[in-house]
């Protein structure tokens, strides 16, 4: 969840392909699609279908998703300098 929320918070609304390119290597389109559906059902992500003739779907954070991003940012601030070296 945190990769999707983090990416959408930093880059704003993105189409599926652009969002996928921002994900860590190894996350398949199928897995990303399932995560997006779960996040949408939970109210963290909003899916906007802007299709006319060509399929055009965008994903962005809801207010709830922005709250999660803020909580993640606060928890990252608690990490010592050097990030995950202590993990």
Foldseek 3Di string as FASTA:
>chain_A
DLLQLVVCVVPPKDWLVVSVVSDDPPQDSVNVVVVQVVCVVVQFKDWDFPDDPDTTIIIHGDPVSVVVVVVVVVVQVPADPVGPPVD
